[in-house]
Amino acid sequence: MQRYLTALAAALLISGPALACEAPDIASIDIPSGAAATEAEMVQAQQAVADMVTAIEAYAVCVDGLSRIDQRDHIRDRDEAVDAAHRLATRMNREIRNFNRAVQLASR
């Protein structure tokens, strides 16, 4: 029994870091249309995107810190998450430009 518990503890220690790296849910971010959004909605979306980018960066660092064997299972997910962060930031920047344009047109 002692040998079984020791083996179980060792397996948990080895697999622990792999379990700690979880990709954030990018689909949970809602970016409003800049042409129709309020300033508060844009600020809220911008903060949500910034938080998500930070979470994705932390995920990438976590995956990079894994052993090569554990990395193998996460590399594609990490790369997809980083690409998604770039797309998310690009989309947010586009909507900010649309928002600024709408505000400028409304003030004429």
N, C-alpha and C. Protein backbone atom coordinates (compact mmCIF):
# COMPACT_ATOMS: atom_id res chain seq x y z
N MET A 1 0.83 -1.19 0.00
CA MET A 1 0.00 0.00 0.00
C MET A 1 0.87 1.25 0.00
N GLN A 2 1.95 1.22 0.81
CA GLN A 2 2.85 2.37 0.88
C GLN A 2 3.49 2.63 -0.48
N ARG A 3 3.86 1.57 -1.18
CA ARG A 3 4.47 1.72 -2.50
C ARG A 3 3.47 2.35 -3.48
N TYR A 4 2.20 1.94 -3.40
CA TYR A 4 1.15 2.49 -4.26
C TYR A 4 0.98 3.98 -4.00
N LEU A 5 0.94 4.39 -2.74
CA LEU A 5 0.78 5.80 -2.40
C LEU A 5 1.98 6.62 -2.85
N THR A 6 3.17 6.06 -2.72
CA THR A 6 4.37 6.76 -3.18
C THR A 6 4.33 6.95 -4.68
N ALA A 7 3.94 5.92 -5.42
CA ALA A 7 3.84 6.02 -6.88
C ALA A 7 2.77 7.02 -7.29
N LEU A 8 1.64 7.02 -6.57
CA LEU A 8 0.57 7.97 -6.86
C LEU A 8 1.03 9.41 -6.61
N ALA A 9 1.73 9.63 -5.51
CA ALA A 9 2.24 10.97 -5.20
C ALA A 9 3.23 11.43 -6.25
N ALA A 10 4.10 10.53 -6.68
CA ALA A 10 5.08 10.88 -7.71
C ALA A 10 4.38 11.21 -9.02
N ALA A 11 3.37 10.46 -9.38
CA ALA A 11 2.64 10.72 -10.62
C ALA A 11 1.94 12.08 -10.55
N LEU A 12 1.38 12.41 -9.42
CA LEU A 12 0.72 13.70 -9.26
C LEU A 12 1.72 14.85 -9.33
N LEU A 13 2.87 14.66 -8.74
CA LEU A 13 3.89 15.71 -8.79
C LEU A 13 4.37 15.93 -10.22
N ILE A 14 4.53 14.86 -10.95
CA ILE A 14 5.01 14.96 -12.33
C ILE A 14 3.95 15.60 -13.21
N SER A 15 2.69 15.22 -13.03
CA SER A 15 1.64 15.75 -13.90
C SER A 15 1.10 17.08 -13.42
N GLY A 16 1.43 17.50 -12.22
CA GLY A 16 0.92 18.74 -11.66
C GLY A 16 1.13 19.96 -12.54
N PRO A 17 2.34 20.23 -13.00
CA PRO A 17 2.56 21.40 -13.84
C PRO A 17 1.74 21.38 -15.13
N ALA A 18 1.56 20.20 -15.71
CA ALA A 18 0.79 20.11 -16.95
C ALA A 18 -0.67 20.49 -16.70
N LEU A 19 -1.17 20.14 -15.55
CA LEU A 19 -2.55 20.47 -15.22
C LEU A 19 -2.72 21.95 -14.93
N ALA A 20 -1.64 22.62 -14.54
CA ALA A 20 -1.73 24.02 -14.15
C ALA A 20 -1.84 24.95 -15.36
N CYS A 21 -1.44 24.51 -16.52
CA CYS A 21 -1.48 25.36 -17.71
C CYS A 21 -2.83 25.19 -18.41
N GLU A 22 -3.69 26.17 -18.25
CA GLU A 22 -4.99 26.13 -18.91
C GLU A 22 -5.13 27.33 -19.82
N ALA A 23 -5.49 27.05 -21.06
CA ALA A 23 -5.70 28.14 -22.01
C ALA A 23 -6.95 28.92 -21.62
N PRO A 24 -6.86 30.25 -21.63
CA PRO A 24 -8.05 31.05 -21.31
C PRO A 24 -9.10 30.95 -22.40
N ASP A 25 -10.34 31.20 -22.04
CA ASP A 25 -11.47 31.11 -22.97
C ASP A 25 -11.62 32.42 -23.73
N ILE A 26 -11.04 32.49 -24.90
CA ILE A 26 -11.06 33.71 -25.70
C ILE A 26 -12.47 34.02 -26.21
N ALA A 27 -13.26 32.98 -26.39
CA ALA A 27 -14.63 33.19 -26.89
C ALA A 27 -15.49 33.98 -25.90
N SER A 28 -15.03 34.09 -24.66
CA SER A 28 -15.82 34.81 -23.65
C SER A 28 -15.73 36.33 -23.81
N ILE A 29 -14.84 36.81 -24.66
CA ILE A 29 -14.67 38.25 -24.86
C ILE A 29 -15.67 38.74 -25.90
N ASP A 30 -16.41 39.77 -25.52
CA ASP A 30 -17.39 40.38 -26.43
C ASP A 30 -16.90 41.78 -26.78
N ILE A 31 -16.56 41.98 -28.03
CA ILE A 31 -16.13 43.30 -28.49
C ILE A 31 -17.30 43.94 -29.22
N PRO A 32 -17.78 45.06 -28.70
CA PRO A 32 -18.93 45.71 -29.35
C PRO A 32 -18.52 46.42 -30.64
N SER A 33 -19.51 46.70 -31.45
CA SER A 33 -19.26 47.48 -32.66
C SER A 33 -18.91 48.90 -32.24
N GLY A 34 -17.76 49.37 -32.67
CA GLY A 34 -17.33 50.72 -32.30
C GLY A 34 -18.25 51.80 -32.82
N ALA A 35 -18.92 51.55 -33.92
CA ALA A 35 -19.82 52.55 -34.51
C ALA A 35 -21.08 52.75 -33.67
N ALA A 36 -21.45 51.77 -32.85
CA ALA A 36 -22.70 51.86 -32.09
C ALA A 36 -22.50 51.81 -30.58
N ALA A 37 -21.30 51.54 -30.10
CA ALA A 37 -21.07 51.35 -28.67
C ALA A 37 -20.97 52.67 -27.92
N THR A 38 -21.25 52.58 -26.62
CA THR A 38 -21.03 53.73 -25.75
C THR A 38 -19.57 53.74 -25.33
N GLU A 39 -19.14 54.86 -24.79
CA GLU A 39 -17.76 54.95 -24.31
C GLU A 39 -17.51 53.93 -23.20
N ALA A 40 -18.48 53.76 -22.31
CA ALA A 40 -18.33 52.81 -21.20
C ALA A 40 -18.18 51.38 -21.73
N GLU A 41 -18.94 51.03 -22.77
CA GLU A 41 -18.83 49.70 -23.36
C GLU A 41 -17.46 49.49 -23.98
N MET A 42 -16.95 50.52 -24.63
CA MET A 42 -15.63 50.41 -25.26
C MET A 42 -14.53 50.28 -24.21
N VAL A 43 -14.64 51.05 -23.14
CA VAL A 43 -13.63 50.97 -22.07
C VAL A 43 -13.67 49.59 -21.43
N GLN A 44 -14.89 49.08 -21.18
CA GLN A 44 -15.04 47.76 -20.59
C GLN A 44 -14.46 46.68 -21.50
N ALA A 45 -14.74 46.76 -22.79
CA ALA A 45 -14.21 45.79 -23.75
C ALA A 45 -12.69 45.89 -23.84
N GLN A 46 -12.18 47.10 -23.83
CA GLN A 46 -10.73 47.28 -23.92
C GLN A 46 -10.04 46.65 -22.70
N GLN A 47 -10.63 46.81 -21.52
CA GLN A 47 -10.06 46.21 -20.31
C GLN A 47 -10.15 44.69 -20.37
N ALA A 48 -11.27 44.17 -20.87
CA ALA A 48 -11.43 42.72 -21.00
C ALA A 48 -10.40 42.14 -21.96
N VAL A 49 -10.15 42.83 -23.06
CA VAL A 49 -9.15 42.38 -24.03
C VAL A 49 -7.75 42.43 -23.40
N ALA A 50 -7.44 43.50 -22.70
CA ALA A 50 -6.13 43.61 -22.04
C ALA A 50 -5.94 42.49 -21.02
N ASP A 51 -6.99 42.20 -20.25
CA ASP A 51 -6.92 41.11 -19.27
C ASP A 51 -6.72 39.77 -19.97
N MET A 52 -7.41 39.57 -21.09
CA MET A 52 -7.29 38.31 -21.83
C MET A 52 -5.89 38.16 -22.42
N VAL A 53 -5.35 39.23 -22.96
CA VAL A 53 -3.99 39.17 -23.52
C VAL A 53 -3.00 38.82 -22.41
N THR A 54 -3.17 39.40 -21.23
CA THR A 54 -2.31 39.08 -20.08
C THR A 54 -2.45 37.61 -19.70
N ALA A 55 -3.68 37.09 -19.69
CA ALA A 55 -3.91 35.69 -19.36
C ALA A 55 -3.27 34.76 -20.40
N ILE A 56 -3.35 35.14 -21.66
CA ILE A 56 -2.75 34.32 -22.72
C ILE A 56 -1.23 34.35 -22.61
N GLU A 57 -0.67 35.50 -22.30
CA GLU A 57 0.78 35.58 -22.11
C GLU A 57 1.21 34.70 -20.94
N ALA A 58 0.43 34.70 -19.85
CA ALA A 58 0.74 33.84 -18.69
C ALA A 58 0.64 32.37 -19.07
N TYR A 59 -0.35 32.04 -19.88
CA TYR A 59 -0.50 30.66 -20.35
C TYR A 59 0.72 30.25 -21.19
N ALA A 60 1.16 31.13 -22.08
CA ALA A 60 2.33 30.82 -22.92
C ALA A 60 3.57 30.62 -22.06
N VAL A 61 3.76 31.44 -21.05
CA VAL A 61 4.90 31.29 -20.15
C VAL A 61 4.80 29.97 -19.40
N CYS A 62 3.59 29.62 -18.96
CA CYS A 62 3.38 28.36 -18.26
C CYS A 62 3.76 27.18 -19.15
N VAL A 63 3.30 27.19 -20.38
CA VAL A 63 3.61 26.10 -21.30
C VAL A 63 5.10 26.04 -21.58
N ASP A 64 5.72 27.20 -21.75
CA ASP A 64 7.16 27.22 -22.01
C ASP A 64 7.96 26.67 -20.83
N GLY A 65 7.39 26.72 -19.64
CA GLY A 65 8.08 26.22 -18.45
C GLY A 65 7.90 24.73 -18.22
N LEU A 66 7.09 24.08 -19.02
CA LEU A 66 6.88 22.64 -18.87
C LEU A 66 8.05 21.85 -19.43
N SER A 67 8.13 20.60 -19.03
CA SER A 67 9.15 19.72 -19.61
C SER A 67 8.81 19.52 -21.08
N ARG A 68 9.78 19.08 -21.84
CA ARG A 68 9.55 18.88 -23.28
C ARG A 68 8.42 17.89 -23.54
N ILE A 69 8.33 16.89 -22.72
CA ILE A 69 7.27 15.88 -22.90
C ILE A 69 5.91 16.52 -22.68
N ASP A 70 5.78 17.31 -21.62
CA ASP A 70 4.50 17.97 -21.34
C ASP A 70 4.21 19.08 -22.34
N GLN A 71 5.25 19.76 -22.80
CA GLN A 71 5.07 20.82 -23.79
C GLN A 71 4.44 20.29 -25.06
N ARG A 72 4.84 19.10 -25.44
CA ARG A 72 4.36 18.50 -26.68
C ARG A 72 2.83 18.51 -26.75
N ASP A 73 2.19 18.33 -25.61
CA ASP A 73 0.73 18.31 -25.57
C ASP A 73 0.11 19.71 -25.62
N HIS A 74 0.91 20.74 -25.36
CA HIS A 74 0.36 22.09 -25.23
C HIS A 74 0.85 23.09 -26.27
N ILE A 75 1.88 22.75 -27.02
CA ILE A 75 2.49 23.71 -27.94
C ILE A 75 1.48 24.25 -28.95
N ARG A 76 0.72 23.38 -29.57
CA ARG A 76 -0.26 23.84 -30.56
C ARG A 76 -1.31 24.74 -29.92
N ASP A 77 -1.77 24.37 -28.73
CA ASP A 77 -2.75 25.20 -28.02
C ASP A 77 -2.15 26.56 -27.67
N ARG A 78 -0.89 26.56 -27.25
CA ARG A 78 -0.23 27.82 -26.93
C ARG A 78 -0.13 28.71 -28.16
N ASP A 79 0.31 28.13 -29.27
CA ASP A 79 0.45 28.91 -30.50
C ASP A 79 -0.90 29.45 -30.97
N GLU A 80 -1.94 28.63 -30.88
CA GLU A 80 -3.28 29.08 -31.27
C GLU A 80 -3.77 30.19 -30.35
N ALA A 81 -3.48 30.09 -29.05
CA ALA A 81 -3.89 31.12 -28.10
C ALA A 81 -3.17 32.44 -28.38
N VAL A 82 -1.89 32.37 -28.69
CA VAL A 82 -1.13 33.59 -29.01
C VAL A 82 -1.66 34.21 -30.30
N ASP A 83 -1.93 33.40 -31.30
CA ASP A 83 -2.51 33.92 -32.55
C ASP A 83 -3.88 34.55 -32.29
N ALA A 84 -4.67 33.91 -31.46
CA ALA A 84 -5.99 34.44 -31.12
C ALA A 84 -5.87 35.76 -30.38
N ALA A 85 -4.86 35.90 -29.53
CA ALA A 85 -4.64 37.17 -28.82
C ALA A 85 -4.33 38.28 -29.80
N HIS A 86 -3.53 37.97 -30.81
CA HIS A 86 -3.21 38.98 -31.84
C HIS A 86 -4.47 39.38 -32.61
N ARG A 87 -5.27 38.38 -32.98
CA ARG A 87 -6.51 38.69 -33.70
C ARG A 87 -7.46 39.50 -32.84
N LEU A 88 -7.55 39.16 -31.55
CA LEU A 88 -8.42 39.87 -30.62
C LEU A 88 -7.98 41.33 -30.48
N ALA A 89 -6.69 41.55 -30.30
CA ALA A 89 -6.17 42.92 -30.17
C ALA A 89 -6.38 43.71 -31.45
N THR A 90 -6.18 43.07 -32.59
CA THR A 90 -6.39 43.74 -33.88
C THR A 90 -7.85 44.14 -34.03
N ARG A 91 -8.75 43.22 -33.68
CA ARG A 91 -10.18 43.51 -33.77
C ARG A 91 -10.58 44.64 -32.83
N MET A 92 -10.03 44.63 -31.61
CA MET A 92 -10.35 45.68 -30.64
C MET A 92 -9.85 47.02 -31.16
N ASN A 93 -8.65 47.06 -31.71
CA ASN A 93 -8.11 48.31 -32.26
C ASN A 93 -8.95 48.83 -33.42
N ARG A 94 -9.45 47.93 -34.25
CA ARG A 94 -10.32 48.33 -35.36
C ARG A 94 -11.61 48.96 -34.83
N GLU A 95 -12.19 48.36 -33.79
CA GLU A 95 -13.43 48.90 -33.23
C GLU A 95 -13.19 50.21 -32.48
N ILE A 96 -12.02 50.37 -31.91
CA ILE A 96 -11.68 51.66 -31.28
C ILE A 96 -11.61 52.74 -32.35
N ARG A 97 -10.98 52.43 -33.49
CA ARG A 97 -10.94 53.40 -34.60
C ARG A 97 -12.36 53.73 -35.08
N ASN A 98 -13.21 52.70 -35.19
CA ASN A 98 -14.60 52.92 -35.60
C ASN A 98 -15.33 53.80 -34.57
N PHE A 99 -15.08 53.55 -33.30
CA PHE A 99 -15.70 54.34 -32.24
C PHE A 99 -15.26 55.80 -32.33
N ASN A 100 -13.96 55.99 -32.48
CA ASN A 100 -13.44 57.37 -32.58
C ASN A 100 -14.00 58.10 -33.80
N ARG A 101 -14.13 57.39 -34.91
CA ARG A 101 -14.72 57.96 -36.11
C ARG A 101 -16.17 58.35 -35.86
N ALA A 102 -16.93 57.49 -35.20
CA ALA A 102 -18.34 57.75 -34.92
C ALA A 102 -18.49 58.97 -33.98
N VAL A 103 -17.62 59.05 -32.98
CA VAL A 103 -17.66 60.17 -32.05
C VAL A 103 -17.34 61.47 -32.81
N GLN A 104 -16.35 61.41 -33.67
CA GLN A 104 -15.96 62.58 -34.44
C GLN A 104 -17.09 63.02 -35.38
N LEU A 105 -17.74 62.09 -36.02
CA LEU A 105 -18.86 62.44 -36.91
C LEU A 105 -20.04 62.99 -36.12
N ALA A 106 -20.28 62.48 -34.95
CA ALA A 106 -21.41 62.93 -34.13
C ALA A 106 -21.19 64.34 -33.59
N SER A 107 -19.93 64.75 -33.46
CA SER A 107 -19.63 66.07 -32.89
C SER A 107 -19.64 67.17 -33.93
N ARG A 108 -19.87 66.83 -35.17
CA ARG A 108 -19.87 67.84 -36.24
C ARG A 108 -21.15 68.61 -36.25
